[in-house]
């Protein structure tokens, strides 16, 4: 496994169950930067709501996004990887407002595959019942957003490899703002 240094702060995004908590640390290790688990930035009230099966509101998400943005700002020029669903453009704009150089890796996949994975995971507060609200809120990366979409088909190492390759394409001089690695 080749380790690369990057000044980018990478936000691994996507709906629940796409593997942000699995892929994020793998990317961080490959990039040689620290990883921060986005769920750790949630206020206790958010965790209680999600555990009870209640979707978060935009007001609920603001302090969470601000805390992630503060972490990302502190890593500017040093690099880092943090997970965050970042489902809506407005959420990503808020993160960019705090840390203008962030790059997004959108872990994307078929609803049936993600539901299957969620059905088998244990010890996570997010119930599969909230997946519908996550897909309803999801706004994929726009062409003017710096980031890549990466398929979640396959195993973690394969997905992380695709993400690394797509991030490498972003660093190429001829790269467009948004790439896809399907």
N, C-alpha and C. Protein backbone atom coordinates (compact mmCIF):
# COMPACT_ATOMS: atom_id res chain seq x y z
N UNK A 1 0.84 -1.17 0.00
CA UNK A 1 0.00 0.00 0.00
C UNK A 1 0.88 1.24 0.00
N UNK A 2 0.72 2.06 -1.01
CA UNK A 2 1.52 3.27 -1.13
C UNK A 2 0.90 4.38 -0.29
N UNK A 3 1.74 5.07 0.47
CA UNK A 3 1.27 6.17 1.29
C UNK A 3 1.68 7.48 0.63
N UNK A 4 0.73 8.38 0.51
CA UNK A 4 0.96 9.65 -0.15
C UNK A 4 0.58 10.77 0.81
N UNK A 5 1.28 11.88 0.77
CA UNK A 5 0.92 13.05 1.58
C UNK A 5 0.09 13.99 0.72
N UNK A 6 -0.88 14.62 1.35
CA UNK A 6 -1.72 15.57 0.64
C UNK A 6 -2.01 16.75 1.54
N UNK A 7 -2.06 17.95 1.00
CA UNK A 7 -2.47 19.09 1.82
C UNK A 7 -3.99 19.20 1.90
N UNK A 8 -4.71 18.39 1.14
CA UNK A 8 -6.16 18.46 1.13
C UNK A 8 -6.76 17.93 2.42
N UNK A 9 -7.89 18.52 2.79
CA UNK A 9 -8.76 17.90 3.79
C UNK A 9 -9.88 17.26 2.98
N UNK A 10 -10.01 15.96 3.12
CA UNK A 10 -10.98 15.19 2.37
C UNK A 10 -12.18 14.90 3.26
N UNK A 11 -13.37 15.23 2.78
CA UNK A 11 -14.61 14.91 3.47
C UNK A 11 -15.22 13.71 2.74
N UNK A 12 -15.30 12.57 3.44
CA UNK A 12 -15.91 11.37 2.89
C UNK A 12 -17.40 11.48 3.20
N UNK A 13 -18.21 11.57 2.14
CA UNK A 13 -19.63 11.86 2.30
C UNK A 13 -20.50 10.77 1.69
N UNK A 14 -21.77 10.79 2.04
CA UNK A 14 -22.74 9.87 1.47
C UNK A 14 -23.80 9.53 2.50
N UNK A 15 -24.82 8.82 2.04
CA UNK A 15 -25.89 8.41 2.94
C UNK A 15 -25.36 7.39 3.94
N UNK A 16 -26.12 7.17 4.99
CA UNK A 16 -25.77 6.17 5.99
C UNK A 16 -25.59 4.82 5.31
N UNK A 17 -24.63 4.06 5.78
CA UNK A 17 -24.43 2.71 5.27
C UNK A 17 -23.54 2.59 4.05
N UNK A 18 -23.00 3.71 3.55
CA UNK A 18 -22.13 3.63 2.37
C UNK A 18 -20.70 3.26 2.73
N UNK A 19 -20.35 3.33 4.02
CA UNK A 19 -19.01 2.93 4.44
C UNK A 19 -18.08 4.07 4.78
N UNK A 20 -18.63 5.22 5.12
CA UNK A 20 -17.78 6.38 5.45
C UNK A 20 -16.81 6.06 6.57
N UNK A 21 -17.30 5.36 7.60
CA UNK A 21 -16.47 5.05 8.77
C UNK A 21 -15.43 3.98 8.45
N UNK A 22 -15.66 3.20 7.44
CA UNK A 22 -14.69 2.18 7.01
C UNK A 22 -13.69 2.75 6.02
N UNK A 23 -14.19 3.46 5.02
CA UNK A 23 -13.34 3.97 3.94
C UNK A 23 -12.51 5.17 4.42
N UNK A 24 -13.08 6.02 5.26
CA UNK A 24 -12.37 7.20 5.76
C UNK A 24 -11.02 6.87 6.36
N UNK A 25 -10.95 5.96 7.33
CA UNK A 25 -9.64 5.61 7.90
C UNK A 25 -8.68 4.99 6.89
N UNK A 26 -9.21 4.20 5.94
CA UNK A 26 -8.35 3.62 4.91
C UNK A 26 -7.73 4.71 4.04
N UNK A 27 -8.54 5.70 3.66
CA UNK A 27 -8.01 6.82 2.87
C UNK A 27 -6.98 7.60 3.68
N UNK A 28 -7.29 7.87 4.94
CA UNK A 28 -6.36 8.63 5.79
C UNK A 28 -5.02 7.90 5.89
N UNK A 29 -5.06 6.59 6.06
CA UNK A 29 -3.82 5.82 6.16
C UNK A 29 -3.04 5.89 4.85
N UNK A 30 -3.73 5.76 3.74
CA UNK A 30 -3.05 5.83 2.44
C UNK A 30 -2.48 7.21 2.16
N UNK A 31 -3.16 8.24 2.67
CA UNK A 31 -2.70 9.61 2.47
C UNK A 31 -1.69 10.05 3.53
N UNK A 32 -1.58 9.29 4.61
CA UNK A 32 -0.66 9.63 5.69
C UNK A 32 -1.11 10.84 6.50
N UNK A 33 -2.43 10.95 6.69
CA UNK A 33 -3.00 12.07 7.43
C UNK A 33 -3.96 11.53 8.50
N UNK A 34 -4.32 12.36 9.48
CA UNK A 34 -5.26 11.89 10.51
C UNK A 34 -6.68 11.75 9.99
N UNK A 35 -7.43 10.89 10.67
CA UNK A 35 -8.84 10.67 10.37
C UNK A 35 -9.67 11.14 11.56
N UNK A 36 -10.79 11.80 11.27
CA UNK A 36 -11.75 12.18 12.30
C UNK A 36 -13.11 11.60 11.94
N UNK A 37 -13.72 10.93 12.88
CA UNK A 37 -15.04 10.33 12.69
C UNK A 37 -16.10 11.41 12.85
N UNK A 38 -16.84 11.67 11.78
CA UNK A 38 -17.85 12.72 11.80
C UNK A 38 -18.92 12.52 12.86
N UNK A 39 -19.29 11.28 13.13
CA UNK A 39 -20.32 11.04 14.15
C UNK A 39 -19.89 11.55 15.52
N UNK A 40 -18.58 11.60 15.77
CA UNK A 40 -18.09 12.08 17.07
C UNK A 40 -18.33 13.58 17.27
N UNK A 41 -18.65 14.30 16.21
CA UNK A 41 -18.90 15.73 16.30
C UNK A 41 -20.37 16.06 16.60
N UNK A 42 -21.23 15.04 16.57
CA UNK A 42 -22.66 15.27 16.83
C UNK A 42 -22.89 15.61 18.30
N UNK A 43 -23.72 16.61 18.56
CA UNK A 43 -24.17 16.83 19.94
C UNK A 43 -24.99 15.62 20.41
N UNK A 44 -25.02 15.39 21.71
CA UNK A 44 -25.75 14.25 22.26
C UNK A 44 -27.23 14.25 21.84
N UNK A 45 -27.82 15.44 21.72
CA UNK A 45 -29.23 15.51 21.32
C UNK A 45 -29.44 14.93 19.92
N UNK A 46 -28.49 15.14 19.01
CA UNK A 46 -28.60 14.57 17.66
C UNK A 46 -28.56 13.05 17.71
N UNK A 47 -27.66 12.51 18.50
CA UNK A 47 -27.54 11.05 18.62
C UNK A 47 -28.86 10.47 19.15
N UNK A 48 -29.43 11.13 20.17
CA UNK A 48 -30.70 10.65 20.73
C UNK A 48 -31.80 10.66 19.67
N UNK A 49 -31.87 11.73 18.89
CA UNK A 49 -32.91 11.81 17.86
C UNK A 49 -32.74 10.69 16.83
N UNK A 50 -31.52 10.51 16.35
CA UNK A 50 -31.31 9.49 15.32
C UNK A 50 -31.55 8.09 15.87
N UNK A 51 -31.12 7.85 17.11
CA UNK A 51 -31.33 6.55 17.74
C UNK A 51 -32.82 6.24 17.84
N UNK A 52 -33.61 7.28 18.07
CA UNK A 52 -35.07 7.12 18.17
C UNK A 52 -35.73 7.02 16.80
N UNK A 53 -34.94 7.15 15.72
CA UNK A 53 -35.49 7.05 14.38
C UNK A 53 -36.04 8.35 13.84
N UNK A 54 -35.65 9.47 14.45
CA UNK A 54 -36.11 10.78 14.02
C UNK A 54 -35.03 11.44 13.15
N UNK A 55 -35.38 11.80 11.92
CA UNK A 55 -34.38 12.47 11.07
C UNK A 55 -33.98 13.82 11.66
N UNK A 56 -32.74 14.20 11.44
CA UNK A 56 -32.26 15.50 11.89
C UNK A 56 -32.79 16.60 10.98
N UNK A 57 -32.99 17.77 11.56
CA UNK A 57 -33.37 18.95 10.79
C UNK A 57 -32.10 19.72 10.43
N UNK A 58 -32.25 20.70 9.55
CA UNK A 58 -31.12 21.55 9.22
C UNK A 58 -30.60 22.25 10.46
N UNK A 59 -31.50 22.68 11.35
CA UNK A 59 -31.07 23.32 12.60
C UNK A 59 -30.26 22.36 13.47
N UNK A 60 -30.66 21.08 13.50
CA UNK A 60 -29.91 20.07 14.26
C UNK A 60 -28.50 19.90 13.70
N UNK A 61 -28.37 20.00 12.39
CA UNK A 61 -27.09 19.73 11.73
C UNK A 61 -26.09 20.89 11.83
N UNK A 62 -26.57 22.11 12.02
CA UNK A 62 -25.66 23.26 12.01
C UNK A 62 -24.49 23.14 12.98
N UNK A 63 -24.73 22.87 14.29
CA UNK A 63 -23.58 22.78 15.20
C UNK A 63 -22.64 21.63 14.84
N UNK A 64 -23.20 20.56 14.30
CA UNK A 64 -22.40 19.41 13.88
C UNK A 64 -21.52 19.79 12.70
N UNK A 65 -22.10 20.41 11.69
CA UNK A 65 -21.34 20.85 10.52
C UNK A 65 -20.29 21.88 10.91
N UNK A 66 -20.64 22.78 11.83
CA UNK A 66 -19.68 23.80 12.26
C UNK A 66 -18.49 23.16 12.98
N UNK A 67 -18.75 22.13 13.78
CA UNK A 67 -17.65 21.44 14.48
C UNK A 67 -16.75 20.71 13.48
N UNK A 68 -17.35 20.07 12.48
CA UNK A 68 -16.54 19.40 11.45
C UNK A 68 -15.75 20.45 10.67
N UNK A 69 -16.41 21.55 10.31
CA UNK A 69 -15.74 22.63 9.58
C UNK A 69 -14.57 23.21 10.37
N UNK A 70 -14.73 23.33 11.68
CA UNK A 70 -13.64 23.84 12.53
C UNK A 70 -12.45 22.87 12.50
N UNK A 71 -12.74 21.57 12.59
CA UNK A 71 -11.67 20.57 12.53
C UNK A 71 -10.96 20.67 11.17
N UNK A 72 -11.75 20.73 10.10
CA UNK A 72 -11.18 20.79 8.75
C UNK A 72 -10.34 22.06 8.58
N UNK A 73 -10.82 23.17 9.10
CA UNK A 73 -10.08 24.43 9.03
C UNK A 73 -8.72 24.29 9.73
N UNK A 74 -8.72 23.63 10.87
CA UNK A 74 -7.48 23.41 11.62
C UNK A 74 -6.50 22.51 10.90
N UNK A 75 -6.96 21.72 9.96
CA UNK A 75 -6.11 20.80 9.20
C UNK A 75 -5.71 21.38 7.84
N UNK A 76 -6.19 22.59 7.51
CA UNK A 76 -5.89 23.21 6.22
C UNK A 76 -4.38 23.28 6.01
N UNK A 77 -3.94 22.82 4.85
CA UNK A 77 -2.52 22.82 4.52
C UNK A 77 -1.76 21.64 5.10
N UNK A 78 -2.39 20.92 6.02
CA UNK A 78 -1.76 19.75 6.66
C UNK A 78 -2.37 18.45 6.14
N UNK A 79 -3.62 18.52 5.74
CA UNK A 79 -4.34 17.35 5.26
C UNK A 79 -5.06 16.64 6.38
N UNK A 80 -6.06 15.91 6.00
CA UNK A 80 -6.86 15.13 6.95
C UNK A 80 -8.03 14.54 6.21
N UNK A 81 -8.66 13.58 6.85
CA UNK A 81 -9.87 12.96 6.31
C UNK A 81 -10.91 12.96 7.42
N UNK A 82 -12.11 13.39 7.09
CA UNK A 82 -13.21 13.40 8.05
C UNK A 82 -14.45 12.87 7.34
N UNK A 83 -15.27 12.15 8.08
CA UNK A 83 -16.52 11.67 7.50
C UNK A 83 -17.65 12.62 7.88
N UNK A 84 -18.58 12.78 6.95
CA UNK A 84 -19.78 13.60 7.16
C UNK A 84 -20.75 13.23 6.06
N UNK A 85 -22.00 13.03 6.39
CA UNK A 85 -22.95 12.71 5.33
C UNK A 85 -22.97 13.80 4.27
N UNK A 86 -22.91 15.08 4.69
CA UNK A 86 -22.85 16.22 3.75
C UNK A 86 -23.81 16.04 2.59
N UNK A 87 -25.04 15.64 2.91
CA UNK A 87 -25.99 15.25 1.89
C UNK A 87 -26.45 16.38 0.98
N UNK A 88 -26.58 17.57 1.52
CA UNK A 88 -27.09 18.69 0.73
C UNK A 88 -25.97 19.64 0.35
N UNK A 89 -26.18 20.31 -0.77
CA UNK A 89 -25.22 21.33 -1.23
C UNK A 89 -25.02 22.37 -0.13
N UNK A 90 -26.09 22.78 0.54
CA UNK A 90 -25.98 23.79 1.59
C UNK A 90 -25.06 23.33 2.72
N UNK A 91 -25.08 22.04 3.03
CA UNK A 91 -24.19 21.51 4.08
C UNK A 91 -22.74 21.58 3.62
N UNK A 92 -22.52 21.21 2.36
CA UNK A 92 -21.16 21.24 1.82
C UNK A 92 -20.67 22.69 1.72
N UNK A 93 -21.57 23.60 1.35
CA UNK A 93 -21.21 25.02 1.31
C UNK A 93 -20.81 25.50 2.70
N UNK A 94 -21.50 25.04 3.73
CA UNK A 94 -21.17 25.43 5.11
C UNK A 94 -19.77 24.91 5.47
N UNK A 95 -19.48 23.67 5.09
CA UNK A 95 -18.14 23.11 5.36
C UNK A 95 -17.07 23.89 4.59
N UNK A 96 -17.35 24.21 3.32
CA UNK A 96 -16.41 24.99 2.53
C UNK A 96 -16.23 26.39 3.08
N UNK A 97 -17.28 26.94 3.67
CA UNK A 97 -17.18 28.27 4.28
C UNK A 97 -16.19 28.28 5.43
N UNK A 98 -16.13 27.18 6.18
CA UNK A 98 -15.20 27.07 7.29
C UNK A 98 -13.81 26.66 6.83
N UNK A 99 -13.76 25.80 5.80
CA UNK A 99 -12.49 25.26 5.31
C UNK A 99 -12.55 25.25 3.78
N UNK A 100 -12.22 26.38 3.14
CA UNK A 100 -12.41 26.52 1.69
C UNK A 100 -11.74 25.47 0.81
N UNK A 101 -10.70 24.84 1.25
CA UNK A 101 -9.99 23.88 0.40
C UNK A 101 -10.46 22.44 0.50
N UNK A 102 -11.57 22.16 1.20
CA UNK A 102 -11.98 20.77 1.34
C UNK A 102 -12.34 20.16 0.00
N UNK A 103 -12.09 18.86 -0.09
CA UNK A 103 -12.38 18.06 -1.27
C UNK A 103 -13.33 16.95 -0.81
N UNK A 104 -14.34 16.66 -1.60
CA UNK A 104 -15.34 15.66 -1.21
C UNK A 104 -15.14 14.35 -1.97
N UNK A 105 -15.29 13.24 -1.24
CA UNK A 105 -15.36 11.91 -1.84
C UNK A 105 -16.75 11.40 -1.51
N UNK A 106 -17.61 11.38 -2.52
CA UNK A 106 -18.99 10.93 -2.35
C UNK A 106 -19.05 9.43 -2.58
N UNK A 107 -19.27 8.69 -1.50
CA UNK A 107 -19.46 7.24 -1.60
C UNK A 107 -20.90 7.02 -2.01
N UNK A 108 -21.09 6.48 -3.20
CA UNK A 108 -22.42 6.37 -3.78
C UNK A 108 -22.71 4.94 -4.19
N UNK A 109 -23.96 4.56 -4.04
CA UNK A 109 -24.33 3.21 -4.44
C UNK A 109 -25.82 3.00 -4.51
N UNK A 110 -26.17 1.84 -4.97
CA UNK A 110 -27.54 1.40 -5.12
C UNK A 110 -28.20 1.24 -3.74
N UNK A 111 -29.44 1.71 -3.64
CA UNK A 111 -30.17 1.65 -2.37
C UNK A 111 -30.25 0.22 -1.81
N UNK A 112 -30.48 -0.76 -2.67
CA UNK A 112 -30.60 -2.15 -2.20
C UNK A 112 -29.30 -2.62 -1.56
N UNK A 113 -28.16 -2.30 -2.16
CA UNK A 113 -26.86 -2.68 -1.61
C UNK A 113 -26.65 -2.01 -0.25
N UNK A 114 -26.97 -0.74 -0.16
CA UNK A 114 -26.76 0.00 1.09
C UNK A 114 -27.70 -0.52 2.18
N UNK A 115 -28.95 -0.81 1.82
CA UNK A 115 -29.89 -1.39 2.80
C UNK A 115 -29.37 -2.73 3.32
N UNK A 116 -28.83 -3.53 2.41
CA UNK A 116 -28.27 -4.83 2.80
C UNK A 116 -27.13 -4.65 3.80
N UNK A 117 -26.24 -3.72 3.51
CA UNK A 117 -25.11 -3.47 4.42
C UNK A 117 -25.59 -2.95 5.77
N UNK A 118 -26.58 -2.06 5.76
CA UNK A 118 -27.10 -1.52 7.02
C UNK A 118 -27.76 -2.62 7.85
N UNK A 119 -28.41 -3.57 7.19
CA UNK A 119 -29.09 -4.65 7.90
C UNK A 119 -28.10 -5.53 8.66
N UNK A 120 -26.85 -5.56 8.22
CA UNK A 120 -25.85 -6.44 8.84
C UNK A 120 -24.88 -5.73 9.77
N UNK A 121 -24.96 -4.40 9.86
CA UNK A 121 -24.03 -3.73 10.75
C UNK A 121 -24.59 -3.69 12.16
N UNK A 122 -23.66 -3.71 13.11
CA UNK A 122 -24.05 -3.76 14.51
C UNK A 122 -23.40 -2.61 15.27
N UNK A 123 -24.07 -2.18 16.33
CA UNK A 123 -23.48 -1.20 17.22
C UNK A 123 -23.52 0.23 16.73
N UNK A 124 -24.32 0.53 15.72
CA UNK A 124 -24.40 1.90 15.22
C UNK A 124 -25.77 2.46 15.57
N UNK A 125 -25.79 3.74 15.97
CA UNK A 125 -27.04 4.36 16.40
C UNK A 125 -28.03 4.64 15.28
N UNK A 126 -27.56 4.68 14.04
CA UNK A 126 -28.42 5.07 12.92
C UNK A 126 -29.24 3.88 12.43
N UNK A 127 -30.56 3.89 12.64
CA UNK A 127 -31.37 2.77 12.17
C UNK A 127 -31.58 2.82 10.66
N UNK A 128 -31.77 1.65 10.06
CA UNK A 128 -32.01 1.56 8.62
C UNK A 128 -33.28 2.32 8.22
N UNK A 129 -34.18 2.52 9.16
CA UNK A 129 -35.43 3.24 8.87
C UNK A 129 -35.17 4.67 8.40
N UNK A 130 -34.03 5.25 8.78
CA UNK A 130 -33.72 6.63 8.38
C UNK A 130 -33.09 6.72 7.00
N UNK A 131 -32.81 5.58 6.38
CA UNK A 131 -32.18 5.59 5.07
C UNK A 131 -33.04 6.32 4.03
N UNK A 132 -34.34 6.14 4.11
CA UNK A 132 -35.25 6.81 3.17
C UNK A 132 -35.07 8.33 3.24
N UNK A 133 -35.00 8.87 4.45
CA UNK A 133 -34.84 10.33 4.57
C UNK A 133 -33.47 10.77 4.07
N UNK A 134 -32.48 9.91 4.21
CA UNK A 134 -31.15 10.24 3.73
C UNK A 134 -31.14 10.33 2.19
N UNK A 135 -31.73 9.34 1.53
CA UNK A 135 -31.79 9.38 0.07
C UNK A 135 -32.64 10.55 -0.42
N UNK A 136 -33.70 10.88 0.32
CA UNK A 136 -34.55 12.00 -0.07
C UNK A 136 -33.80 13.33 0.02
N UNK A 137 -32.90 13.45 0.98
CA UNK A 137 -32.15 14.69 1.18
C UNK A 137 -30.92 14.78 0.27
N UNK A 138 -30.43 13.65 -0.23
CA UNK A 138 -29.16 13.63 -0.98
C UNK A 138 -29.20 14.49 -2.23
N UNK A 139 -28.23 15.39 -2.31
CA UNK A 139 -27.97 16.18 -3.51
C UNK A 139 -26.54 15.85 -3.94
N UNK A 140 -26.38 15.06 -5.01
CA UNK A 140 -25.03 14.70 -5.44
C UNK A 140 -24.19 15.95 -5.73
N UNK A 141 -22.89 15.76 -5.76
CA UNK A 141 -21.97 16.86 -6.05
C UNK A 141 -22.31 17.54 -7.36
N UNK A 142 -22.32 18.86 -7.35
CA UNK A 142 -22.51 19.63 -8.58
C UNK A 142 -21.17 19.75 -9.29
N UNK A 143 -21.22 20.07 -10.58
CA UNK A 143 -20.02 20.16 -11.40
C UNK A 143 -19.03 21.20 -10.88
N UNK A 144 -19.51 22.21 -10.16
CA UNK A 144 -18.60 23.25 -9.66
C UNK A 144 -18.04 22.93 -8.27
N UNK A 145 -18.37 21.76 -7.72
CA UNK A 145 -17.84 21.35 -6.42
C UNK A 145 -16.63 20.46 -6.62
N UNK A 146 -15.57 20.72 -5.86
CA UNK A 146 -14.36 19.92 -5.99
C UNK A 146 -14.57 18.62 -5.23
N UNK A 147 -14.62 17.54 -6.00
CA UNK A 147 -14.84 16.25 -5.40
C UNK A 147 -15.02 15.17 -6.43
N UNK A 148 -15.20 13.96 -5.93
CA UNK A 148 -15.34 12.79 -6.78
C UNK A 148 -16.45 11.90 -6.24
N UNK A 149 -17.12 11.21 -7.14
CA UNK A 149 -18.09 10.19 -6.76
C UNK A 149 -17.44 8.83 -6.95
N UNK A 150 -17.56 7.99 -5.94
CA UNK A 150 -16.92 6.68 -5.97
C UNK A 150 -17.96 5.61 -5.64
N UNK A 151 -18.04 4.59 -6.46
CA UNK A 151 -18.97 3.49 -6.24
C UNK A 151 -18.59 2.69 -5.00
N UNK A 152 -19.61 2.26 -4.24
CA UNK A 152 -19.36 1.45 -3.05
C UNK A 152 -19.48 -0.04 -3.33
N UNK A 153 -19.51 -0.42 -4.60
CA UNK A 153 -19.52 -1.83 -4.96
C UNK A 153 -18.14 -2.41 -4.68
N UNK A 154 -18.09 -3.58 -4.06
CA UNK A 154 -16.82 -4.23 -3.77
C UNK A 154 -16.43 -4.09 -2.32
N UNK A 155 -15.23 -4.56 -2.01
CA UNK A 155 -14.74 -4.52 -0.64
C UNK A 155 -14.10 -3.19 -0.30
N UNK A 156 -13.85 -2.98 0.98
CA UNK A 156 -13.28 -1.71 1.44
C UNK A 156 -11.98 -1.31 0.75
N UNK A 157 -11.06 -2.25 0.58
CA UNK A 157 -9.77 -1.91 -0.05
C UNK A 157 -9.97 -1.49 -1.51
N UNK A 158 -10.88 -2.17 -2.19
CA UNK A 158 -11.18 -1.83 -3.59
C UNK A 158 -11.79 -0.43 -3.69
N UNK A 159 -12.73 -0.14 -2.80
CA UNK A 159 -13.38 1.18 -2.79
C UNK A 159 -12.36 2.26 -2.46
N UNK A 160 -11.52 2.02 -1.45
CA UNK A 160 -10.49 2.99 -1.08
C UNK A 160 -9.51 3.21 -2.24
N UNK A 161 -9.19 2.14 -2.96
CA UNK A 161 -8.31 2.26 -4.12
C UNK A 161 -8.92 3.13 -5.21
N UNK A 162 -10.23 2.93 -5.48
CA UNK A 162 -10.91 3.78 -6.46
C UNK A 162 -10.92 5.24 -6.01
N UNK A 163 -11.15 5.44 -4.72
CA UNK A 163 -11.17 6.82 -4.19
C UNK A 163 -9.80 7.47 -4.35
N UNK A 164 -8.74 6.73 -4.04
CA UNK A 164 -7.38 7.27 -4.19
C UNK A 164 -7.10 7.63 -5.65
N UNK A 165 -7.49 6.74 -6.56
CA UNK A 165 -7.27 7.01 -7.99
C UNK A 165 -8.04 8.25 -8.43
N UNK A 166 -9.28 8.37 -7.98
CA UNK A 166 -10.09 9.53 -8.36
C UNK A 166 -9.52 10.82 -7.77
N UNK A 167 -9.06 10.76 -6.52
CA UNK A 167 -8.42 11.93 -5.92
C UNK A 167 -7.16 12.31 -6.69
N UNK A 168 -6.41 11.31 -7.14
CA UNK A 168 -5.22 11.57 -7.93
C UNK A 168 -5.55 12.28 -9.22
N UNK A 169 -6.69 11.93 -9.83
CA UNK A 169 -7.12 12.60 -11.05
C UNK A 169 -7.45 14.07 -10.78
N UNK A 170 -8.00 14.35 -9.59
CA UNK A 170 -8.30 15.75 -9.24
C UNK A 170 -7.04 16.59 -9.16
N UNK A 171 -5.94 15.97 -8.71
CA UNK A 171 -4.68 16.69 -8.58
C UNK A 171 -3.97 16.90 -9.91
N UNK A 172 -4.44 16.20 -10.96
CA UNK A 172 -3.83 16.36 -12.27
C UNK A 172 -4.16 17.74 -12.82
N UNK A 173 -3.22 18.37 -13.50
CA UNK A 173 -3.44 19.74 -14.00
C UNK A 173 -4.66 19.89 -14.89
N UNK A 174 -5.01 18.87 -15.64
CA UNK A 174 -6.13 18.98 -16.56
C UNK A 174 -7.44 18.54 -15.94
N UNK A 175 -7.45 18.24 -14.63
CA UNK A 175 -8.65 17.72 -13.97
C UNK A 175 -9.78 18.74 -13.93
N UNK A 176 -10.98 18.22 -14.08
CA UNK A 176 -12.18 19.03 -13.92
C UNK A 176 -12.53 19.08 -12.44
N UNK A 177 -13.39 20.00 -11.99
CA UNK A 177 -13.74 20.09 -10.59
C UNK A 177 -14.34 18.82 -10.01
N UNK A 178 -15.21 18.13 -10.73
CA UNK A 178 -15.84 16.93 -10.20
C UNK A 178 -15.53 15.77 -11.14
N UNK A 179 -15.04 14.68 -10.56
CA UNK A 179 -14.74 13.48 -11.33
C UNK A 179 -15.62 12.35 -10.81
N UNK A 180 -15.67 11.28 -11.53
CA UNK A 180 -16.43 10.13 -11.09
C UNK A 180 -15.58 8.89 -11.27
N UNK A 181 -15.72 7.95 -10.33
CA UNK A 181 -14.97 6.71 -10.41
C UNK A 181 -15.92 5.53 -10.24
N UNK A 182 -16.69 5.33 -11.26
CA UNK A 182 -17.67 4.24 -11.23
C UNK A 182 -17.07 3.09 -11.99
